[in-house]
Amino acid sequence: MAVKLQTVSEISRQISGMLQQTSPVEEAGALAAAIILEYTGMGRAAQLAFGERMPEAAAAERILEAAARAVAG
């Protein structure tokens, strides 16, 4: 899957939206932050403070794949 380069904030919003299909809003946001942490090493505070950073393309792709797996169950 080719991934358009996006900032951490954009990825977070995108996968939070995906996760809201199967989870409440708060849970989706927490899960999105946990997935991003797993693949970038950025905790929630770092995601908020440095959201304009772009993760490596491979990390972004793995984040989106993980979110898709979470939505699928």
PDB file of N, CA and C in Angstrom:
ATOM      1  N   MET A   1       0.848  -1.166   0.000  1.00  0.00           N
ATOM      2  CA  MET A   1       0.000   0.000   0.000  1.00  0.00           C
ATOM      3  C   MET A   1       0.896   1.233   0.000  1.00  0.00           C
ATOM      4  N   ALA A   2       0.745   2.099  -0.956  1.00  0.00           N
ATOM      5  CA  ALA A   2       1.516   3.338  -1.011  1.00  0.00           C
ATOM      6  C   ALA A   2       0.889   4.343  -0.050  1.00  0.00           C
ATOM      7  N   VAL A   3       1.750   5.005   0.710  1.00  0.00           N
ATOM      8  CA  VAL A   3       1.268   5.945   1.708  1.00  0.00           C
ATOM      9  C   VAL A   3       1.710   7.340   1.340  1.00  0.00           C
ATOM     10  N   LYS A   4       0.762   8.267   1.272  1.00  0.00           N
ATOM     11  CA  LYS A   4       1.070   9.672   1.061  1.00  0.00           C
ATOM     12  C   LYS A   4       1.673  10.188   2.360  1.00  0.00           C
ATOM     13  N   LEU A   5       2.795  10.897   2.272  1.00  0.00           N
ATOM     14  CA  LEU A   5       3.423  11.401   3.476  1.00  0.00           C
ATOM     15  C   LEU A   5       2.480  12.343   4.199  1.00  0.00           C
ATOM     16  N   GLN A   6       2.303  12.099   5.488  1.00  0.00           N
ATOM     17  CA  GLN A   6       1.404  12.883   6.317  1.00  0.00           C
ATOM     18  C   GLN A   6       2.099  13.172   7.646  1.00  0.00           C
ATOM     19  N   THR A   7       1.642  14.216   8.306  1.00  0.00           N
ATOM     20  CA  THR A   7       2.170  14.512   9.630  1.00  0.00           C
ATOM     21  C   THR A   7       1.561  13.548  10.648  1.00  0.00           C
ATOM     22  N   VAL A   8       2.169  13.509  11.821  1.00  0.00           N
ATOM     23  CA  VAL A   8       1.650  12.669  12.889  1.00  0.00           C
ATOM     24  C   VAL A   8       0.219  13.078  13.236  1.00  0.00           C
ATOM     25  N   SER A   9      -0.055  14.367  13.279  1.00  0.00           N
ATOM     26  CA  SER A   9      -1.411  14.842  13.586  1.00  0.00           C
ATOM     27  C   SER A   9      -2.419  14.380  12.541  1.00  0.00           C
ATOM     28  N   GLU A  10      -2.054  14.463  11.279  1.00  0.00           N
ATOM     29  CA  GLU A  10      -2.957  14.022  10.208  1.00  0.00           C
ATOM     30  C   GLU A  10      -3.219  12.525  10.298  1.00  0.00           C
ATOM     31  N   ILE A  11      -2.171  11.764  10.554  1.00  0.00           N
ATOM     32  CA  ILE A  11      -2.324  10.310  10.687  1.00  0.00           C
ATOM     33  C   ILE A  11      -3.218   9.997  11.878  1.00  0.00           C
ATOM     34  N   SER A  12      -3.012  10.704  12.982  1.00  0.00           N
ATOM     35  CA  SER A  12      -3.825  10.483  14.178  1.00  0.00           C
ATOM     36  C   SER A  12      -5.300  10.734  13.886  1.00  0.00           C
ATOM     37  N   ARG A  13      -5.607  11.836  13.218  1.00  0.00           N
ATOM     38  CA  ARG A  13      -7.010  12.130  12.878  1.00  0.00           C
ATOM     39  C   ARG A  13      -7.579  11.060  11.946  1.00  0.00           C
ATOM     40  N   GLN A  14      -6.775  10.647  10.982  1.00  0.00           N
ATOM     41  CA  GLN A  14      -7.242   9.647  10.020  1.00  0.00           C
ATOM     42  C   GLN A  14      -7.554   8.321  10.709  1.00  0.00           C
ATOM     43  N   ILE A  15      -6.634   7.843  11.525  1.00  0.00           N
ATOM     44  CA  ILE A  15      -6.884   6.530  12.120  1.00  0.00           C
ATOM     45  C   ILE A  15      -7.911   6.612  13.255  1.00  0.00           C
ATOM     46  N   SER A  16      -8.005   7.756  13.928  1.00  0.00           N
ATOM     47  CA  SER A  16      -9.076   7.927  14.925  1.00  0.00           C
ATOM     48  C   SER A  16     -10.439   7.800  14.243  1.00  0.00           C
ATOM     49  N   GLY A  17     -10.570   8.412  13.078  1.00  0.00           N
ATOM     50  CA  GLY A  17     -11.811   8.302  12.319  1.00  0.00           C
ATOM     51  C   GLY A  17     -12.112   6.869  11.920  1.00  0.00           C
ATOM     52  N   MET A  18     -11.072   6.151  11.492  1.00  0.00           N
ATOM     53  CA  MET A  18     -11.254   4.737  11.143  1.00  0.00           C
ATOM     54  C   MET A  18     -11.726   3.946  12.362  1.00  0.00           C
ATOM     55  N   LEU A  19     -11.065   4.177  13.503  1.00  0.00           N
ATOM     56  CA  LEU A  19     -11.348   3.409  14.708  1.00  0.00           C
ATOM     57  C   LEU A  19     -12.711   3.738  15.308  1.00  0.00           C
ATOM     58  N   GLN A  20     -13.251   4.923  15.011  1.00  0.00           N
ATOM     59  CA  GLN A  20     -14.566   5.299  15.516  1.00  0.00           C
ATOM     60  C   GLN A  20     -15.677   4.462  14.892  1.00  0.00           C
ATOM     61  N   GLN A  21     -15.362   3.733  13.834  1.00  0.00           N
ATOM     62  CA  GLN A  21     -16.348   2.833  13.228  1.00  0.00           C
ATOM     63  C   GLN A  21     -16.709   1.710  14.192  1.00  0.00           C
ATOM     64  N   THR A  22     -15.760   1.344  15.065  1.00  0.00           N
ATOM     65  CA  THR A  22     -15.974   0.206  15.961  1.00  0.00           C
ATOM     66  C   THR A  22     -15.799   0.542  17.431  1.00  0.00           C
ATOM     67  N   SER A  23     -15.388   1.767  17.762  1.00  0.00           N
ATOM     68  CA  SER A  23     -15.104   2.144  19.147  1.00  0.00           C
ATOM     69  C   SER A  23     -15.666   3.525  19.454  1.00  0.00           C
ATOM     70  N   PRO A  24     -15.947   3.790  20.733  1.00  0.00           N
ATOM     71  CA  PRO A  24     -16.355   5.140  21.129  1.00  0.00           C
ATOM     72  C   PRO A  24     -15.226   6.136  20.836  1.00  0.00           C
ATOM     73  N   VAL A  25     -15.564   7.408  20.720  1.00  0.00           N
ATOM     74  CA  VAL A  25     -14.617   8.454  20.342  1.00  0.00           C
ATOM     75  C   VAL A  25     -13.382   8.456  21.243  1.00  0.00           C
ATOM     76  N   GLU A  26     -13.575   8.443  22.558  1.00  0.00           N
ATOM     77  CA  GLU A  26     -12.452   8.503  23.486  1.00  0.00           C
ATOM     78  C   GLU A  26     -11.545   7.288  23.336  1.00  0.00           C
ATOM     79  N   GLU A  27     -12.146   6.116  23.202  1.00  0.00           N
ATOM     80  CA  GLU A  27     -11.379   4.893  23.047  1.00  0.00           C
ATOM     81  C   GLU A  27     -10.620   4.895  21.719  1.00  0.00           C
ATOM     82  N   ALA A  28     -11.253   5.387  20.677  1.00  0.00           N
ATOM     83  CA  ALA A  28     -10.602   5.460  19.367  1.00  0.00           C
ATOM     84  C   ALA A  28      -9.375   6.365  19.430  1.00  0.00           C
ATOM     85  N   GLY A  29      -9.491   7.506  20.110  1.00  0.00           N
ATOM     86  CA  GLY A  29      -8.362   8.412  20.249  1.00  0.00           C
ATOM     87  C   GLY A  29      -7.217   7.797  21.026  1.00  0.00           C
ATOM     88  N   ALA A  30      -7.543   7.097  22.108  1.00  0.00           N
ATOM     89  CA  ALA A  30      -6.513   6.440  22.915  1.00  0.00           C
ATOM     90  C   ALA A  30      -5.837   5.320  22.129  1.00  0.00           C
ATOM     91  N   LEU A  31      -6.614   4.559  21.386  1.00  0.00           N
ATOM     92  CA  LEU A  31      -6.051   3.483  20.586  1.00  0.00           C
ATOM     93  C   LEU A  31      -5.173   4.042  19.469  1.00  0.00           C
ATOM     94  N   ALA A  32      -5.610   5.120  18.845  1.00  0.00           N
ATOM     95  CA  ALA A  32      -4.803   5.763  17.800  1.00  0.00           C
ATOM     96  C   ALA A  32      -3.460   6.213  18.368  1.00  0.00           C
ATOM     97  N   ALA A  33      -3.484   6.831  19.548  1.00  0.00           N
ATOM     98  CA  ALA A  33      -2.242   7.285  20.183  1.00  0.00           C
ATOM     99  C   ALA A  33      -1.337   6.107  20.503  1.00  0.00           C
ATOM    100  N   ALA A  34      -1.920   4.997  20.956  1.00  0.00           N
ATOM    101  CA  ALA A  34      -1.126   3.810  21.279  1.00  0.00           C
ATOM    102  C   ALA A  34      -0.492   3.202  20.028  1.00  0.00           C
ATOM    103  N   ILE A  35      -1.237   3.170  18.941  1.00  0.00           N
ATOM    104  CA  ILE A  35      -0.694   2.633  17.683  1.00  0.00           C
ATOM    105  C   ILE A  35       0.450   3.506  17.194  1.00  0.00           C
ATOM    106  N   ILE A  36       0.274   4.816  17.246  1.00  0.00           N
ATOM    107  CA  ILE A  36       1.339   5.727  16.803  1.00  0.00           C
ATOM    108  C   ILE A  36       2.566   5.570  17.695  1.00  0.00           C
ATOM    109  N   LEU A  37       2.359   5.454  18.995  1.00  0.00           N
ATOM    110  CA  LEU A  37       3.473   5.235  19.921  1.00  0.00           C
ATOM    111  C   LEU A  37       4.246   3.983  19.544  1.00  0.00           C
ATOM    112  N   GLU A  38       3.545   2.910  19.250  1.00  0.00           N
ATOM    113  CA  GLU A  38       4.187   1.637  18.914  1.00  0.00           C
ATOM    114  C   GLU A  38       5.126   1.753  17.719  1.00  0.00           C
ATOM    115  N   TYR A  39       4.743   2.512  16.719  1.00  0.00           N
ATOM    116  CA  TYR A  39       5.527   2.555  15.482  1.00  0.00           C
ATOM    117  C   TYR A  39       6.437   3.774  15.343  1.00  0.00           C
ATOM    118  N   THR A  40       6.257   4.780  16.216  1.00  0.00           N
ATOM    119  CA  THR A  40       7.122   5.965  16.122  1.00  0.00           C
ATOM    120  C   THR A  40       7.914   6.226  17.391  1.00  0.00           C
ATOM    121  N   GLY A  41       7.481   5.653  18.513  1.00  0.00           N
ATOM    122  CA  GLY A  41       8.121   5.925  19.789  1.00  0.00           C
ATOM    123  C   GLY A  41       7.675   7.248  20.404  1.00  0.00           C
ATOM    124  N   MET A  42       6.698   7.908  19.776  1.00  0.00           N
ATOM    125  CA  MET A  42       6.198   9.193  20.275  1.00  0.00           C
ATOM    126  C   MET A  42       5.014   8.965  21.202  1.00  0.00           C
ATOM    127  N   GLY A  43       5.183   9.313  22.483  1.00  0.00           N
ATOM    128  CA  GLY A  43       4.085   9.237  23.437  1.00  0.00           C
ATOM    129  C   GLY A  43       3.024  10.272  23.107  1.00  0.00           C
ATOM    130  N   ARG A  44       1.923  10.232  23.832  1.00  0.00           N
ATOM    131  CA  ARG A  44       0.802  11.144  23.543  1.00  0.00           C
ATOM    132  C   ARG A  44       1.225  12.607  23.641  1.00  0.00           C
ATOM    133  N   ALA A  45       2.021  12.951  24.663  1.00  0.00           N
ATOM    134  CA  ALA A  45       2.470  14.338  24.811  1.00  0.00           C
ATOM    135  C   ALA A  45       3.328  14.761  23.618  1.00  0.00           C
ATOM    136  N   ALA A  46       4.213  13.888  23.170  1.00  0.00           N
ATOM    137  CA  ALA A  46       5.059  14.199  22.011  1.00  0.00           C
ATOM    138  C   ALA A  46       4.215  14.309  20.742  1.00  0.00           C
ATOM    139  N   GLN A  47       3.193  13.482  20.627  1.00  0.00           N
ATOM    140  CA  GLN A  47       2.311  13.553  19.460  1.00  0.00           C
ATOM    141  C   GLN A  47       1.612  14.905  19.409  1.00  0.00           C
ATOM    142  N   LEU A  48       1.208  15.410  20.571  1.00  0.00           N
ATOM    143  CA  LEU A  48       0.548  16.709  20.618  1.00  0.00           C
ATOM    144  C   LEU A  48       1.539  17.849  20.384  1.00  0.00           C
ATOM    145  N   ALA A  49       2.716  17.744  20.989  1.00  0.00           N
ATOM    146  CA  ALA A  49       3.702  18.829  20.890  1.00  0.00           C
ATOM    147  C   ALA A  49       4.382  18.884  19.527  1.00  0.00           C
ATOM    148  N   PHE A  50       4.601  17.729  18.928  1.00  0.00           N
ATOM    149  CA  PHE A  50       5.356  17.663  17.678  1.00  0.00           C
ATOM    150  C   PHE A  50       4.540  17.018  16.562  1.00  0.00           C
ATOM    151  N   GLY A  51       3.260  17.290  16.539  1.00  0.00           N
ATOM    152  CA  GLY A  51       2.359  16.691  15.561  1.00  0.00           C
ATOM    153  C   GLY A  51       2.648  17.038  14.121  1.00  0.00           C
ATOM    154  N   GLU A  52       3.431  18.095  13.898  1.00  0.00           N
ATOM    155  CA  GLU A  52       3.751  18.487  12.522  1.00  0.00           C
ATOM    156  C   GLU A  52       4.867  17.621  11.920  1.00  0.00           C
ATOM    157  N   ARG A  53       5.497  16.793  12.745  1.00  0.00           N
ATOM    158  CA  ARG A  53       6.559  15.919  12.228  1.00  0.00           C
ATOM    159  C   ARG A  53       5.970  14.831  11.351  1.00  0.00           C
ATOM    160  N   MET A  54       6.782  14.395  10.408  1.00  0.00           N
ATOM    161  CA  MET A  54       6.362  13.312   9.521  1.00  0.00           C
ATOM    162  C   MET A  54       7.135  12.052   9.889  1.00  0.00           C
ATOM    163  N   PRO A  55       6.423  10.983  10.202  1.00  0.00           N
ATOM    164  CA  PRO A  55       7.130   9.728  10.470  1.00  0.00           C
ATOM    165  C   PRO A  55       7.697   9.171   9.167  1.00  0.00           C
ATOM    166  N   GLU A  56       8.631   8.248   9.289  1.00  0.00           N
ATOM    167  CA  GLU A  56       9.158   7.590   8.093  1.00  0.00           C
ATOM    168  C   GLU A  56       8.001   6.927   7.352  1.00  0.00           C
ATOM    169  N   ALA A  57       8.124   6.841   6.047  1.00  0.00           N
ATOM    170  CA  ALA A  57       7.051   6.277   5.225  1.00  0.00           C
ATOM    171  C   ALA A  57       6.700   4.860   5.663  1.00  0.00           C
ATOM    172  N   ALA A  58       7.702   4.057   6.008  1.00  0.00           N
ATOM    173  CA  ALA A  58       7.441   2.676   6.435  1.00  0.00           C
ATOM    174  C   ALA A  58       6.640   2.666   7.736  1.00  0.00           C
ATOM    175  N   ALA A  59       6.961   3.565   8.659  1.00  0.00           N
ATOM    176  CA  ALA A  59       6.230   3.637   9.928  1.00  0.00           C
ATOM    177  C   ALA A  59       4.792   4.073   9.674  1.00  0.00           C
ATOM    178  N   ALA A  60       4.597   5.061   8.809  1.00  0.00           N
ATOM    179  CA  ALA A  60       3.249   5.528   8.494  1.00  0.00           C
ATOM    180  C   ALA A  60       2.418   4.396   7.894  1.00  0.00           C
ATOM    181  N   GLU A  61       3.015   3.620   7.027  1.00  0.00           N
ATOM    182  CA  GLU A  61       2.298   2.505   6.410  1.00  0.00           C
ATOM    183  C   GLU A  61       1.922   1.459   7.457  1.00  0.00           C
ATOM    184  N   ARG A  62       2.853   1.147   8.369  1.00  0.00           N
ATOM    185  CA  ARG A  62       2.550   0.168   9.418  1.00  0.00           C
ATOM    186  C   ARG A  62       1.464   0.680  10.364  1.00  0.00           C
ATOM    187  N   ILE A  63       1.458   1.985  10.638  1.00  0.00           N
ATOM    188  CA  ILE A  63       0.419   2.570  11.494  1.00  0.00           C
ATOM    189  C   ILE A  63      -0.947   2.380  10.852  1.00  0.00           C
ATOM    190  N   LEU A  64      -1.059   2.704   9.576  1.00  0.00           N
ATOM    191  CA  LEU A  64      -2.348   2.565   8.875  1.00  0.00           C
ATOM    192  C   LEU A  64      -2.785   1.113   8.787  1.00  0.00           C
ATOM    193  N   GLU A  65      -1.829   0.208   8.579  1.00  0.00           N
ATOM    194  CA  GLU A  65      -2.164  -1.217   8.526  1.00  0.00           C
ATOM    195  C   GLU A  65      -2.646  -1.706   9.881  1.00  0.00           C
ATOM    196  N   ALA A  66      -1.983  -1.268  10.963  1.00  0.00           N
ATOM    197  CA  ALA A  66      -2.397  -1.656  12.309  1.00  0.00           C
ATOM    198  C   ALA A  66      -3.793  -1.146  12.620  1.00  0.00           C
ATOM    199  N   ALA A  67      -4.089   0.078  12.228  1.00  0.00           N
ATOM    200  CA  ALA A  67      -5.430   0.637  12.448  1.00  0.00           C
ATOM    201  C   ALA A  67      -6.471  -0.156  11.673  1.00  0.00           C
ATOM    202  N   ALA A  68      -6.154  -0.521  10.454  1.00  0.00           N
ATOM    203  CA  ALA A  68      -7.096  -1.321   9.659  1.00  0.00           C
ATOM    204  C   ALA A  68      -7.340  -2.682  10.308  1.00  0.00           C
ATOM    205  N   ARG A  69      -6.283  -3.292  10.859  1.00  0.00           N
ATOM    206  CA  ARG A  69      -6.442  -4.571  11.557  1.00  0.00           C
ATOM    207  C   ARG A  69      -7.313  -4.402  12.800  1.00  0.00           C
ATOM    208  N   ALA A  70      -7.116  -3.304  13.522  1.00  0.00           N
ATOM    209  CA  ALA A  70      -7.915  -3.055  14.728  1.00  0.00           C
ATOM    210  C   ALA A  70      -9.391  -2.878  14.378  1.00  0.00           C
ATOM    211  N   VAL A  71      -9.675  -2.188  13.293  1.00  0.00           N
ATOM    212  CA  VAL A  71     -11.067  -1.988  12.861  1.00  0.00           C
ATOM    213  C   VAL A  71     -11.684  -3.325  12.459  1.00  0.00           C
ATOM    214  N   ALA A  72     -10.884  -4.173  11.805  1.00  0.00           N
ATOM    215  CA  ALA A  72     -11.375  -5.465  11.342  1.00  0.00           C
ATOM    216  C   ALA A  72     -11.580  -6.448  12.497  1.00  0.00           C
ATOM    217  N   GLY A  73     -10.987  -6.142  13.646  1.00  0.00           N
ATOM    218  CA  GLY A  73     -11.158  -7.001  14.807  1.00  0.00           C
ATOM    219  C   GLY A  73     -10.010  -7.916  14.959  1.00  0.00           C
TER     220      GLY A  73
END
